[in-house]
């Protein structure tokens, strides 16, 4: 059976993971905003570079996919902390 201090360490680690994931999510959302603005600017040109447009769209899609996974992981961590850890 785990000791109280062992549980506290595990809970602290999970809380650190939650903080890290929240930071990662904010950074990725910010990157998506920047890329979206670049894409709009590029697409507003009379003859946009199609390879640059595709690259930006691919980058946005990759980040959006990562966000889906990050949010699912964050949700799982938050549920586990809520169910298993004493209030911080």
PDB file of N, CA and C in Angstrom:
ATOM      1  N   UNK A   1       0.839  -1.192   0.000  1.00  0.00           N
ATOM      2  CA  UNK A   1       0.000   0.000   0.000  1.00  0.00           C
ATOM      3  C   UNK A   1       0.876   1.244   0.000  1.00  0.00           C
ATOM      4  N   UNK A   2       0.515   2.244  -0.769  1.00  0.00           N
ATOM      5  CA  UNK A   2       1.316   3.457  -0.887  1.00  0.00           C
ATOM      6  C   UNK A   2       1.187   4.292   0.380  1.00  0.00           C
ATOM      7  N   UNK A   3       2.283   4.930   0.716  1.00  0.00           N
ATOM      8  CA  UNK A   3       2.263   5.811   1.879  1.00  0.00           C
ATOM      9  C   UNK A   3       1.686   7.156   1.481  1.00  0.00           C
ATOM     10  N   UNK A   4       1.298   7.921   2.506  1.00  0.00           N
ATOM     11  CA  UNK A   4       0.735   9.238   2.252  1.00  0.00           C
ATOM     12  C   UNK A   4       1.727  10.120   1.502  1.00  0.00           C
ATOM     13  N   UNK A   5       3.001  10.064   1.896  1.00  0.00           N
ATOM     14  CA  UNK A   5       3.991  10.895   1.211  1.00  0.00           C
ATOM     15  C   UNK A   5       4.192  10.414  -0.228  1.00  0.00           C
ATOM     16  N   UNK A   6       4.067   9.108  -0.464  1.00  0.00           N
ATOM     17  CA  UNK A   6       4.150   8.585  -1.827  1.00  0.00           C
ATOM     18  C   UNK A   6       3.000   9.078  -2.673  1.00  0.00           C
ATOM     19  N   UNK A   7       1.818   9.056  -2.109  1.00  0.00           N
ATOM     20  CA  UNK A   7       0.632   9.564  -2.816  1.00  0.00           C
ATOM     21  C   UNK A   7       0.790  11.053  -3.081  1.00  0.00           C
ATOM     22  N   UNK A   8       1.297  11.768  -2.083  1.00  0.00           N
ATOM     23  CA  UNK A   8       1.501  13.211  -2.254  1.00  0.00           C
ATOM     24  C   UNK A   8       2.466  13.499  -3.400  1.00  0.00           C
ATOM     25  N   UNK A   9       3.520  12.686  -3.499  1.00  0.00           N
ATOM     26  CA  UNK A   9       4.488  12.882  -4.585  1.00  0.00           C
ATOM     27  C   UNK A   9       3.846  12.596  -5.942  1.00  0.00           C
ATOM     28  N   UNK A  10       3.072  11.530  -6.018  1.00  0.00           N
ATOM     29  CA  UNK A  10       2.399  11.188  -7.278  1.00  0.00           C
ATOM     30  C   UNK A  10       1.414  12.302  -7.651  1.00  0.00           C
ATOM     31  N   UNK A  11       0.668  12.776  -6.689  1.00  0.00           N
ATOM     32  CA  UNK A  11      -0.303  13.843  -6.950  1.00  0.00           C
ATOM     33  C   UNK A  11       0.408  15.127  -7.385  1.00  0.00           C
ATOM     34  N   UNK A  12       1.525  15.440  -6.738  1.00  0.00           N
ATOM     35  CA  UNK A  12       2.288  16.630  -7.118  1.00  0.00           C
ATOM     36  C   UNK A  12       2.800  16.496  -8.549  1.00  0.00           C
ATOM     37  N   UNK A  13       3.255  15.312  -8.907  1.00  0.00           N
ATOM     38  CA  UNK A  13       3.744  15.072 -10.264  1.00  0.00           C
ATOM     39  C   UNK A  13       2.611  15.224 -11.278  1.00  0.00           C
ATOM     40  N   UNK A  14       1.446  14.681 -10.958  1.00  0.00           N
ATOM     41  CA  UNK A  14       0.308  14.817 -11.872  1.00  0.00           C
ATOM     42  C   UNK A  14      -0.116  16.276 -11.991  1.00  0.00           C
ATOM     43  N   UNK A  15      -0.087  17.013 -10.888  1.00  0.00           N
ATOM     44  CA  UNK A  15      -0.441  18.440 -10.944  1.00  0.00           C
ATOM     45  C   UNK A  15       0.565  19.211 -11.797  1.00  0.00           C
ATOM     46  N   UNK A  16       1.844  18.844 -11.687  1.00  0.00           N
ATOM     47  CA  UNK A  16       2.859  19.462 -12.546  1.00  0.00           C
ATOM     48  C   UNK A  16       2.580  19.138 -14.007  1.00  0.00           C
ATOM     49  N   UNK A  17       2.167  17.899 -14.280  1.00  0.00           N
ATOM     50  CA  UNK A  17       1.814  17.508 -15.643  1.00  0.00           C
ATOM     51  C   UNK A  17       0.647  18.321 -16.167  1.00  0.00           C
ATOM     52  N   UNK A  18      -0.323  18.577 -15.312  1.00  0.00           N
ATOM     53  CA  UNK A  18      -1.478  19.396 -15.700  1.00  0.00           C
ATOM     54  C   UNK A  18      -1.031  20.805 -16.064  1.00  0.00           C
ATOM     55  N   UNK A  19      -0.177  21.396 -15.234  1.00  0.00           N
ATOM     56  CA  UNK A  19       0.331  22.748 -15.522  1.00  0.00           C
ATOM     57  C   UNK A  19       1.077  22.767 -16.848  1.00  0.00           C
ATOM     58  N   UNK A  20       1.920  21.755 -17.063  1.00  0.00           N
ATOM     59  CA  UNK A  20       2.690  21.678 -18.299  1.00  0.00           C
ATOM     60  C   UNK A  20       1.763  21.563 -19.505  1.00  0.00           C
ATOM     61  N   UNK A  21       0.777  20.686 -19.430  1.00  0.00           N
ATOM     62  CA  UNK A  21      -0.145  20.508 -20.547  1.00  0.00           C
ATOM     63  C   UNK A  21      -0.933  21.783 -20.838  1.00  0.00           C
ATOM     64  N   UNK A  22      -1.344  22.485 -19.796  1.00  0.00           N
ATOM     65  CA  UNK A  22      -2.063  23.745 -20.005  1.00  0.00           C
ATOM     66  C   UNK A  22      -1.186  24.756 -20.727  1.00  0.00           C
ATOM     67  N   UNK A  23       0.100  24.805 -20.362  1.00  0.00           N
ATOM     68  CA  UNK A  23       1.049  25.693 -21.044  1.00  0.00           C
ATOM     69  C   UNK A  23       1.199  25.295 -22.508  1.00  0.00           C
ATOM     70  N   UNK A  24       1.363  24.000 -22.744  1.00  0.00           N
ATOM     71  CA  UNK A  24       1.519  23.495 -24.103  1.00  0.00           C
ATOM     72  C   UNK A  24       0.295  23.830 -24.946  1.00  0.00           C
ATOM     73  N   UNK A  25      -0.878  23.667 -24.375  1.00  0.00           N
ATOM     74  CA  UNK A  25      -2.113  23.959 -25.098  1.00  0.00           C
ATOM     75  C   UNK A  25      -2.167  25.445 -25.463  1.00  0.00           C
ATOM     76  N   UNK A  26      -1.836  26.314 -24.515  1.00  0.00           N
ATOM     77  CA  UNK A  26      -1.850  27.757 -24.805  1.00  0.00           C
ATOM     78  C   UNK A  26      -0.858  28.107 -25.901  1.00  0.00           C
ATOM     79  N   UNK A  27       0.331  27.508 -25.840  1.00  0.00           N
ATOM     80  CA  UNK A  27       1.345  27.792 -26.864  1.00  0.00           C
ATOM     81  C   UNK A  27       0.884  27.325 -28.242  1.00  0.00           C
ATOM     82  N   UNK A  28       0.296  26.153 -28.300  1.00  0.00           N
ATOM     83  CA  UNK A  28      -0.176  25.638 -29.589  1.00  0.00           C
ATOM     84  C   UNK A  28      -1.335  26.469 -30.128  1.00  0.00           C
ATOM     85  N   UNK A  29      -2.226  26.903 -29.248  1.00  0.00           N
ATOM     86  CA  UNK A  29      -3.325  27.770 -29.686  1.00  0.00           C
ATOM     87  C   UNK A  29      -2.775  29.083 -30.235  1.00  0.00           C
ATOM     88  N   UNK A  30      -1.754  29.611 -29.582  1.00  0.00           N
ATOM     89  CA  UNK A  30      -1.115  30.844 -30.043  1.00  0.00           C
ATOM     90  C   UNK A  30      -0.442  30.632 -31.398  1.00  0.00           C
ATOM     91  N   UNK A  31       0.234  29.502 -31.562  1.00  0.00           N
ATOM     92  CA  UNK A  31       0.868  29.194 -32.844  1.00  0.00           C
ATOM     93  C   UNK A  31      -0.171  29.080 -33.951  1.00  0.00           C
ATOM     94  N   UNK A  32      -1.302  28.471 -33.644  1.00  0.00           N
ATOM     95  CA  UNK A  32      -2.379  28.353 -34.634  1.00  0.00           C
ATOM     96  C   UNK A  32      -2.888  29.734 -35.022  1.00  0.00           C
ATOM     97  N   UNK A  33      -3.052  30.622 -34.041  1.00  0.00           N
ATOM     98  CA  UNK A  33      -3.503  31.988 -34.334  1.00  0.00           C
ATOM     99  C   UNK A  33      -2.521  32.704 -35.259  1.00  0.00           C
ATOM    100  N   UNK A  34      -1.237  32.563 -34.976  1.00  0.00           N
ATOM    101  CA  UNK A  34      -0.205  33.204 -35.797  1.00  0.00           C
ATOM    102  C   UNK A  34      -0.225  32.637 -37.217  1.00  0.00           C
ATOM    103  N   UNK A  35      -0.284  31.312 -37.313  1.00  0.00           N
ATOM    104  CA  UNK A  35      -0.307  30.667 -38.629  1.00  0.00           C
ATOM    105  C   UNK A  35      -1.566  31.027 -39.409  1.00  0.00           C
ATOM    106  N   UNK A  36      -2.683  31.111 -38.728  1.00  0.00           N
ATOM    107  CA  UNK A  36      -3.938  31.484 -39.388  1.00  0.00           C
ATOM    108  C   UNK A  36      -3.858  32.899 -39.944  1.00  0.00           C
ATOM    109  N   UNK A  37      -3.260  33.809 -39.177  1.00  0.00           N
ATOM    110  CA  UNK A  37      -3.088  35.182 -39.660  1.00  0.00           C
ATOM    111  C   UNK A  37      -2.163  35.214 -40.882  1.00  0.00           C
ATOM    112  N   UNK A  38      -1.083  34.438 -40.838  1.00  0.00           N
ATOM    113  CA  UNK A  38      -0.179  34.356 -41.996  1.00  0.00           C
ATOM    114  C   UNK A  38      -0.907  33.797 -43.214  1.00  0.00           C
ATOM    115  N   UNK A  39      -1.720  32.781 -42.977  1.00  0.00           N
ATOM    116  CA  UNK A  39      -2.463  32.155 -44.071  1.00  0.00           C
ATOM    117  C   UNK A  39      -3.424  33.150 -44.702  1.00  0.00           C
ATOM    118  N   UNK A  40      -4.144  33.882 -43.885  1.00  0.00           N
ATOM    119  CA  UNK A  40      -5.089  34.887 -44.419  1.00  0.00           C
ATOM    120  C   UNK A  40      -4.354  35.931 -45.255  1.00  0.00           C
ATOM    121  N   UNK A  41      -3.220  36.388 -44.716  1.00  0.00           N
ATOM    122  CA  UNK A  41      -2.446  37.401 -45.431  1.00  0.00           C
ATOM    123  C   UNK A  41      -1.951  36.845 -46.761  1.00  0.00           C
ATOM    124  N   UNK A  42      -1.453  35.623 -46.731  1.00  0.00           N
ATOM    125  CA  UNK A  42      -0.944  34.986 -47.938  1.00  0.00           C
ATOM    126  C   UNK A  42      -2.062  34.783 -48.957  1.00  0.00           C
ATOM    127  N   UNK A  43      -3.206  34.316 -48.487  1.00  0.00           N
ATOM    128  CA  UNK A  43      -4.322  34.052 -49.393  1.00  0.00           C
ATOM    129  C   UNK A  43      -4.953  35.332 -49.942  1.00  0.00           C
ATOM    130  N   UNK A  44      -4.711  36.450 -49.284  1.00  0.00           N
ATOM    131  CA  UNK A  44      -5.264  37.715 -49.768  1.00  0.00           C
ATOM    132  C   UNK A  44      -4.447  38.291 -50.927  1.00  0.00           C
ATOM    133  N   UNK A  45      -3.280  37.722 -51.153  1.00  0.00           N
ATOM    134  CA  UNK A  45      -2.447  38.182 -52.266  1.00  0.00           C
ATOM    135  C   UNK A  45      -3.074  37.749 -53.588  1.00  0.00           C
ATOM    136  N   UNK A  46      -2.753  38.495 -54.641  1.00  0.00           N
ATOM    137  CA  UNK A  46      -3.353  38.195 -55.949  1.00  0.00           C
ATOM    138  C   UNK A  46      -2.908  36.836 -56.484  1.00  0.00           C
ATOM    139  N   UNK A  47      -1.694  36.431 -56.190  1.00  0.00           N
ATOM    140  CA  UNK A  47      -1.199  35.137 -56.665  1.00  0.00           C
ATOM    141  C   UNK A  47      -0.445  34.449 -55.523  1.00  0.00           C
ATOM    142  N   UNK A  48      -1.188  33.891 -54.562  1.00  0.00           N
ATOM    143  CA  UNK A  48      -0.519  33.296 -53.402  1.00  0.00           C
ATOM    144  C   UNK A  48       0.310  32.069 -53.781  1.00  0.00           C
ATOM    145  N   UNK A  49       1.401  31.888 -53.083  1.00  0.00           N
ATOM    146  CA  UNK A  49       2.278  30.738 -53.276  1.00  0.00           C
ATOM    147  C   UNK A  49       1.561  29.498 -52.755  1.00  0.00           C
ATOM    148  N   UNK A  50       1.161  28.624 -53.667  1.00  0.00           N
ATOM    149  CA  UNK A  50       0.345  27.467 -53.283  1.00  0.00           C
ATOM    150  C   UNK A  50       1.105  26.505 -52.360  1.00  0.00           C
ATOM    151  N   UNK A  51       2.401  26.378 -52.540  1.00  0.00           N
ATOM    152  CA  UNK A  51       3.149  25.476 -51.647  1.00  0.00           C
ATOM    153  C   UNK A  51       3.244  26.057 -50.239  1.00  0.00           C
ATOM    154  N   UNK A  52       3.369  27.378 -50.131  1.00  0.00           N
ATOM    155  CA  UNK A  52       3.386  28.013 -48.809  1.00  0.00           C
ATOM    156  C   UNK A  52       2.030  27.887 -48.129  1.00  0.00           C
ATOM    157  N   UNK A  53       0.958  28.046 -48.909  1.00  0.00           N
ATOM    158  CA  UNK A  53      -0.395  27.886 -48.369  1.00  0.00           C
ATOM    159  C   UNK A  53      -0.577  26.466 -47.845  1.00  0.00           C
ATOM    160  N   UNK A  54      -0.164  25.483 -48.625  1.00  0.00           N
ATOM    161  CA  UNK A  54      -0.295  24.089 -48.201  1.00  0.00           C
ATOM    162  C   UNK A  54       0.530  23.812 -46.947  1.00  0.00           C
ATOM    163  N   UNK A  55       1.739  24.342 -46.901  1.00  0.00           N
ATOM    164  CA  UNK A  55       2.600  24.122 -45.735  1.00  0.00           C
ATOM    165  C   UNK A  55       1.970  24.693 -44.466  1.00  0.00           C
ATOM    166  N   UNK A  56       1.432  25.898 -44.564  1.00  0.00           N
ATOM    167  CA  UNK A  56       0.795  26.516 -43.396  1.00  0.00           C
ATOM    168  C   UNK A  56      -0.444  25.724 -42.987  1.00  0.00           C
ATOM    169  N   UNK A  57      -1.251  25.327 -43.956  1.00  0.00           N
ATOM    170  CA  UNK A  57      -2.443  24.531 -43.648  1.00  0.00           C
ATOM    171  C   UNK A  57      -2.062  23.209 -42.980  1.00  0.00           C
ATOM    172  N   UNK A  58      -1.012  22.578 -43.480  1.00  0.00           N
ATOM    173  CA  UNK A  58      -0.539  21.322 -42.885  1.00  0.00           C
ATOM    174  C   UNK A  58      -0.060  21.544 -41.445  1.00  0.00           C
ATOM    175  N   UNK A  59       0.657  22.651 -41.232  1.00  0.00           N
ATOM    176  CA  UNK A  59       1.142  22.967 -39.878  1.00  0.00           C
ATOM    177  C   UNK A  59      -0.034  23.205 -38.923  1.00  0.00           C
ATOM    178  N   UNK A  60      -1.030  23.923 -39.388  1.00  0.00           N
ATOM    179  CA  UNK A  60      -2.217  24.182 -38.568  1.00  0.00           C
ATOM    180  C   UNK A  60      -2.917  22.867 -38.229  1.00  0.00           C
ATOM    181  N   UNK A  61      -3.083  22.000 -39.228  1.00  0.00           N
ATOM    182  CA  UNK A  61      -3.754  20.715 -39.004  1.00  0.00           C
ATOM    183  C   UNK A  61      -2.975  19.861 -38.001  1.00  0.00           C
ATOM    184  N   UNK A  62      -1.666  19.844 -38.123  1.00  0.00           N
ATOM    185  CA  UNK A  62      -0.826  19.081 -37.194  1.00  0.00           C
ATOM    186  C   UNK A  62      -1.016  19.579 -35.766  1.00  0.00           C
ATOM    187  N   UNK A  63      -0.992  20.907 -35.601  1.00  0.00           N
ATOM    188  CA  UNK A  63      -1.178  21.477 -34.265  1.00  0.00           C
ATOM    189  C   UNK A  63      -2.577  21.181 -33.732  1.00  0.00           C
ATOM    190  N   UNK A  64      -3.582  21.266 -34.585  1.00  0.00           N
ATOM    191  CA  UNK A  64      -4.949  20.972 -34.148  1.00  0.00           C
ATOM    192  C   UNK A  64      -5.078  19.515 -33.703  1.00  0.00           C
ATOM    193  N   UNK A  65      -4.431  18.611 -34.422  1.00  0.00           N
ATOM    194  CA  UNK A  65      -4.435  17.198 -34.028  1.00  0.00           C
ATOM    195  C   UNK A  65      -3.737  17.005 -32.680  1.00  0.00           C
ATOM    196  N   UNK A  66      -2.614  17.688 -32.503  1.00  0.00           N
ATOM    197  CA  UNK A  66      -1.899  17.604 -31.229  1.00  0.00           C
ATOM    198  C   UNK A  66      -2.760  18.145 -30.087  1.00  0.00           C
ATOM    199  N   UNK A  67      -3.505  19.209 -30.362  1.00  0.00           N
ATOM    200  CA  UNK A  67      -4.373  19.783 -29.331  1.00  0.00           C
ATOM    201  C   UNK A  67      -5.457  18.807 -28.901  1.00  0.00           C
ATOM    202  N   UNK A  68      -5.997  18.057 -29.837  1.00  0.00           N
ATOM    203  CA  UNK A  68      -7.009  17.050 -29.491  1.00  0.00           C
ATOM    204  C   UNK A  68      -6.413  16.070 -28.477  1.00  0.00           C
ATOM    205  N   UNK A  69      -5.214  15.593 -28.766  1.00  0.00           N
ATOM    206  CA  UNK A  69      -4.551  14.649 -27.861  1.00  0.00           C
ATOM    207  C   UNK A  69      -4.185  15.295 -26.535  1.00  0.00           C
ATOM    208  N   UNK A  70      -3.663  16.521 -26.590  1.00  0.00           N
ATOM    209  CA  UNK A  70      -3.274  17.224 -25.364  1.00  0.00           C
ATOM    210  C   UNK A  70      -4.483  17.454 -24.455  1.00  0.00           C
ATOM    211  N   UNK A  71      -5.599  17.861 -25.051  1.00  0.00           N
ATOM    212  CA  UNK A  71      -6.800  18.124 -24.255  1.00  0.00           C
ATOM    213  C   UNK A  71      -7.350  16.840 -23.632  1.00  0.00           C
ATOM    214  N   UNK A  72      -7.281  15.744 -24.373  1.00  0.00           N
ATOM    215  CA  UNK A  72      -7.730  14.459 -23.830  1.00  0.00           C
ATOM    216  C   UNK A  72      -6.837  14.032 -22.662  1.00  0.00           C
ATOM    217  N   UNK A  73      -5.546  14.210 -22.834  1.00  0.00           N
ATOM    218  CA  UNK A  73      -4.608  13.858 -21.766  1.00  0.00           C
ATOM    219  C   UNK A  73      -4.811  14.761 -20.555  1.00  0.00           C
ATOM    220  N   UNK A  74      -5.015  16.041 -20.788  1.00  0.00           N
ATOM    221  CA  UNK A  74      -5.271  16.980 -19.696  1.00  0.00           C
ATOM    222  C   UNK A  74      -6.523  16.577 -18.937  1.00  0.00           C
ATOM    223  N   UNK A  75      -7.571  16.246 -19.661  1.00  0.00           N
ATOM    224  CA  UNK A  75      -8.820  15.831 -19.034  1.00  0.00           C
ATOM    225  C   UNK A  75      -8.612  14.588 -18.172  1.00  0.00           C
ATOM    226  N   UNK A  76      -7.861  13.623 -18.697  1.00  0.00           N
ATOM    227  CA  UNK A  76      -7.591  12.393 -17.945  1.00  0.00           C
ATOM    228  C   UNK A  76      -6.796  12.693 -16.670  1.00  0.00           C
ATOM    229  N   UNK A  77      -5.781  13.543 -16.781  1.00  0.00           N
ATOM    230  CA  UNK A  77      -4.991  13.915 -15.603  1.00  0.00           C
ATOM    231  C   UNK A  77      -5.871  14.617 -14.562  1.00  0.00           C
ATOM    232  N   UNK A  78      -6.692  15.565 -15.031  1.00  0.00           N
ATOM    233  CA  UNK A  78      -7.541  16.313 -14.101  1.00  0.00           C
ATOM    234  C   UNK A  78      -8.536  15.378 -13.402  1.00  0.00           C
ATOM    235  N   UNK A  79      -9.104  14.436 -14.138  1.00  0.00           N
ATOM    236  CA  UNK A  79     -10.034  13.487 -13.534  1.00  0.00           C
ATOM    237  C   UNK A  79      -9.328  12.610 -12.509  1.00  0.00           C
ATOM    238  N   UNK A  80      -8.136  12.164 -12.840  1.00  0.00           N
ATOM    239  CA  UNK A  80      -7.372  11.300 -11.915  1.00  0.00           C
ATOM    240  C   UNK A  80      -6.996  12.064 -10.655  1.00  0.00           C
ATOM    241  N   UNK A  81      -6.559  13.289 -10.780  1.00  0.00           N
ATOM    242  CA  UNK A  81      -6.208  14.093  -9.611  1.00  0.00           C
ATOM    243  C   UNK A  81      -7.440  14.342  -8.769  1.00  0.00           C
ATOM    244  N   UNK A  82      -8.537  14.666  -9.416  1.00  0.00           N
ATOM    245  CA  UNK A  82      -9.780  14.928  -8.697  1.00  0.00           C
ATOM    246  C   UNK A  82     -10.245  13.698  -7.926  1.00  0.00           C
ATOM    247  N   UNK A  83     -10.108  12.534  -8.541  1.00  0.00           N
ATOM    248  CA  UNK A  83     -10.601  11.304  -7.913  1.00  0.00           C
ATOM    249  C   UNK A  83      -9.635  10.735  -6.868  1.00  0.00           C
ATOM    250  N   UNK A  84      -8.357  10.947  -7.044  1.00  0.00           N
ATOM    251  CA  UNK A  84      -7.378  10.228  -6.240  1.00  0.00           C
ATOM    252  C   UNK A  84      -6.552  11.082  -5.276  1.00  0.00           C
ATOM    253  N   UNK A  85      -6.557  12.382  -5.470  1.00  0.00           N
ATOM    254  CA  UNK A  85      -5.651  13.223  -4.686  1.00  0.00           C
ATOM    255  C   UNK A  85      -6.414  14.141  -3.740  1.00  0.00           C
ATOM    256  N   UNK A  86      -5.792  14.413  -2.601  1.00  0.00           N
ATOM    257  CA  UNK A  86      -6.396  15.391  -1.695  1.00  0.00           C
ATOM    258  C   UNK A  86      -6.288  16.785  -2.318  1.00  0.00           C
ATOM    259  N   UNK A  87      -7.151  17.692  -1.906  1.00  0.00           N
ATOM    260  CA  UNK A  87      -7.060  19.057  -2.441  1.00  0.00           C
ATOM    261  C   UNK A  87      -5.672  19.651  -2.198  1.00  0.00           C
ATOM    262  N   UNK A  88      -5.219  20.422  -3.166  1.00  0.00           N
ATOM    263  CA  UNK A  88      -3.878  21.028  -3.062  1.00  0.00           C
ATOM    264  C   UNK A  88      -3.873  22.187  -2.107  1.00  0.00           C
TER     265      UNK A  88
END
